[in-house]
Protein backbone atom coordinates (compact mmCIF):
# COMPACT_ATOMS: atom_id res chain seq x y z
CA MET A 1 95.37 -164.40 72.16
CA ASP A 2 93.73 -167.06 70.03
CA ASN A 3 90.00 -167.47 69.69
CA ALA A 4 89.82 -170.71 71.70
CA ASN A 5 91.50 -169.03 74.68
CA SER A 6 89.21 -166.03 74.48
CA LYS A 7 86.16 -168.34 74.56
CA VAL A 8 87.53 -170.10 77.65
CA ILE A 9 88.26 -166.74 79.27
CA ASP A 10 84.68 -165.59 78.52
CA THR A 11 83.40 -168.76 80.16
CA LEU A 12 85.60 -168.13 83.21
CA ASN A 13 84.44 -164.51 83.40
CA ASP A 14 80.80 -165.65 83.43
CA LEU A 15 81.55 -168.00 86.31
CA VAL A 16 83.47 -165.30 88.18
CA THR A 17 80.35 -163.13 88.00
CA THR A 18 78.18 -166.06 89.12
CA ALA A 19 80.49 -166.81 92.07
CA ARG A 20 80.65 -163.10 93.04
CA ASP A 21 76.85 -162.97 93.07
CA GLY A 22 76.80 -166.03 95.30
CA GLN A 23 79.33 -164.44 97.62
CA LYS A 24 77.29 -161.22 97.88
CA GLY A 25 74.06 -163.16 98.23
CA TYR A 26 75.39 -165.32 101.03
CA GLU A 27 76.92 -162.31 102.81
CA THR A 28 73.54 -160.53 102.65
CA ALA A 29 71.70 -163.64 103.82
CA ALA A 30 74.16 -164.22 106.69
CA GLY A 31 73.67 -160.65 107.85
CA ALA A 32 69.92 -161.12 107.95
CA VAL A 33 69.36 -164.40 109.78
CA GLN A 34 69.21 -164.61 113.57
CA ASN A 35 70.03 -168.29 114.03
CA ILE A 36 73.75 -168.46 114.90
CA GLN A 37 74.26 -171.86 113.27
CA VAL A 38 72.57 -170.81 110.02
CA LYS A 39 74.45 -167.50 110.05
CA SER A 40 77.85 -169.23 110.36
CA GLU A 41 77.00 -171.70 107.57
CA LEU A 42 75.98 -168.81 105.27
CA GLU A 43 79.19 -166.95 106.15
CA ARG A 44 81.18 -170.09 105.32
CA LEU A 45 79.45 -170.32 101.93
CA ALA A 46 80.17 -166.64 101.21
CA GLN A 47 83.83 -167.38 101.94
CA GLN A 48 83.69 -170.48 99.72
CA ARG A 49 82.39 -168.37 96.81
CA ALA A 50 85.16 -165.80 97.38
CA ILE A 51 87.67 -168.64 97.00
CA PHE A 52 85.87 -169.77 93.81
CA VAL A 53 86.29 -166.24 92.41
CA SER A 54 90.03 -166.20 93.02
CA GLU A 55 90.50 -169.73 91.60
CA LEU A 56 88.60 -168.81 88.43
CA GLU A 57 90.42 -165.49 88.08
CA SER A 58 93.80 -167.16 88.34
CA LYS A 59 92.82 -169.69 85.63
CA ALA A 60 91.78 -166.79 83.36
CA GLN A 61 95.08 -165.01 84.02
CA GLN A 62 97.06 -168.18 83.23
CA LEU A 63 95.35 -168.14 79.84
CA GLY A 64 96.38 -164.53 79.28
CA GLY A 65 93.03 -163.00 80.08
CA SER A 66 91.87 -160.78 82.85
CA THR A 67 88.55 -160.94 84.56
CA LYS A 68 86.43 -157.92 83.83
CA ASP A 69 85.91 -155.60 86.71
CA THR A 70 82.62 -153.83 86.10
CA THR A 71 82.93 -150.55 87.94
CA THR A 72 81.47 -148.40 85.16
CA VAL A 73 77.90 -147.15 85.44
CA GLU A 74 76.91 -149.47 82.58
CA GLY A 75 78.78 -152.27 84.31
CA VAL A 76 76.91 -151.74 87.55
CA ALA A 77 73.57 -151.67 85.73
CA LEU A 78 74.48 -154.81 83.81
CA GLU A 79 75.61 -156.50 86.99
CA ALA A 80 72.31 -155.69 88.69
CA ALA A 81 70.39 -157.03 85.70
CA GLY A 82 72.59 -160.11 85.73
CA ALA A 83 71.99 -160.69 89.42
CA VAL A 84 68.27 -160.81 88.67
CA HIS A 85 68.95 -163.38 85.99
CA ARG A 86 71.26 -165.35 88.27
CA GLY A 87 68.60 -165.97 90.87
CA TRP A 88 69.40 -163.63 93.76
CA ILE A 89 66.71 -161.01 92.98
CA ASN A 90 64.17 -161.74 95.71
CA LEU A 91 66.74 -161.94 98.49
CA LYS A 92 66.23 -158.30 99.47
CA SER A 93 62.51 -158.73 100.04
CA ALA A 94 63.09 -161.93 102.04
CA VAL A 95 65.69 -160.07 104.12
CA GLY A 96 63.24 -157.17 104.56
CA ALA A 97 60.62 -159.58 105.84
CA ASN A 98 63.23 -161.05 108.17
CA ASP A 99 62.05 -164.53 107.18
CA SER A 100 64.81 -167.16 107.56
CA LYS A 101 62.93 -169.76 105.52
CA ALA A 102 62.44 -167.29 102.66
CA ILE A 103 66.08 -166.15 102.87
CA LEU A 104 67.29 -169.75 102.63
CA GLY A 105 64.85 -170.29 99.76
CA GLU A 106 66.50 -167.42 97.89
CA CYS A 107 69.92 -168.95 98.57
CA GLU A 108 68.61 -172.18 97.01
CA THR A 109 67.37 -170.25 93.98
CA GLY A 110 70.73 -168.51 93.64
CA ASP A 111 72.57 -171.83 93.75
CA GLU A 112 70.10 -173.32 91.29
CA ALA A 113 71.02 -170.54 88.84
CA ALA A 114 74.73 -171.04 89.60
CA LEU A 115 74.45 -174.76 88.86
CA LYS A 116 72.92 -173.95 85.45
CA ALA A 117 75.76 -171.53 84.68
CA TYR A 118 78.37 -174.10 85.74
CA ASP A 119 76.63 -176.83 83.78
CA ASN A 120 76.70 -174.63 80.66
CA ALA A 121 80.38 -173.91 81.27
CA LEU A 122 81.17 -177.61 81.59
CA HIS A 123 79.67 -178.15 78.15
CA ALA A 124 81.70 -175.33 76.56
CA GLU A 125 83.97 -176.38 73.71
CA GLY A 126 87.70 -176.63 74.18
CA LEU A 127 88.03 -176.23 77.93
CA PRO A 128 91.54 -177.16 79.07
CA VAL A 129 91.52 -180.15 81.44
CA ASP A 130 92.78 -178.12 84.42
CA VAL A 131 90.07 -175.49 83.91
CA LYS A 132 87.38 -178.14 83.50
CA SER A 133 88.45 -179.87 86.71
CA VAL A 134 88.23 -176.61 88.72
CA ILE A 135 84.76 -175.92 87.28
CA GLN A 136 83.67 -179.52 87.98
CA ARG A 137 84.84 -179.38 91.62
CA GLN A 138 83.15 -176.01 92.21
CA TYR A 139 79.96 -177.37 90.61
CA GLN A 140 79.97 -180.28 93.07
CA GLU A 141 80.58 -177.94 96.02
CA ILE A 142 77.63 -175.75 94.92
CA GLN A 143 75.45 -178.87 94.67
CA ALA A 144 76.46 -179.87 98.21
CA ALA A 145 75.78 -176.31 99.45
CA LYS A 146 72.35 -176.32 97.86
CA GLN A 147 71.46 -179.64 99.52
CA MET A 148 72.64 -178.33 102.87
CA ILE A 149 70.57 -175.13 102.45
CA THR A 150 67.53 -177.26 101.61
CA SER A 151 67.88 -179.28 104.80
CA MET A 152 68.56 -176.14 106.90
CA LYS A 153 65.43 -174.59 105.43
CA GLN A 154 63.38 -177.53 106.71
CA SER A 155 64.77 -177.09 110.22
CA VAL A 156 64.28 -173.33 110.75
């Protein structure tokens, strides 16, 4: 595998982790809100992020890479530390407080962090056009999700 491909695969792996965090975050949030409409939207977004993961993984595999599965103890610790960094850290306390506004606020924060990660990825050198277009589309879908969360937050 050449160096350019391995850089692209690293970029894809970062986004896989970001999308997985979003999926877990939205699943947690959906399980915690009472409002049926909000719950179903959050479940839909969790599903959306699961689709993002599989799209990104298949791009990495096409390039001859595999997406890292962190099931080691170090991996789990790193993943937890990464989740903090990726904006989903305060979700548990919002869920504990059973506060829909706070939960949606944490979803916004998580998507804010995801948008930064995607933006960085879009500026990575040497992304193949097909990879870049997948990342671009997912970026736009995350932006739309974040705007929707913001307006839901104002209505709960």
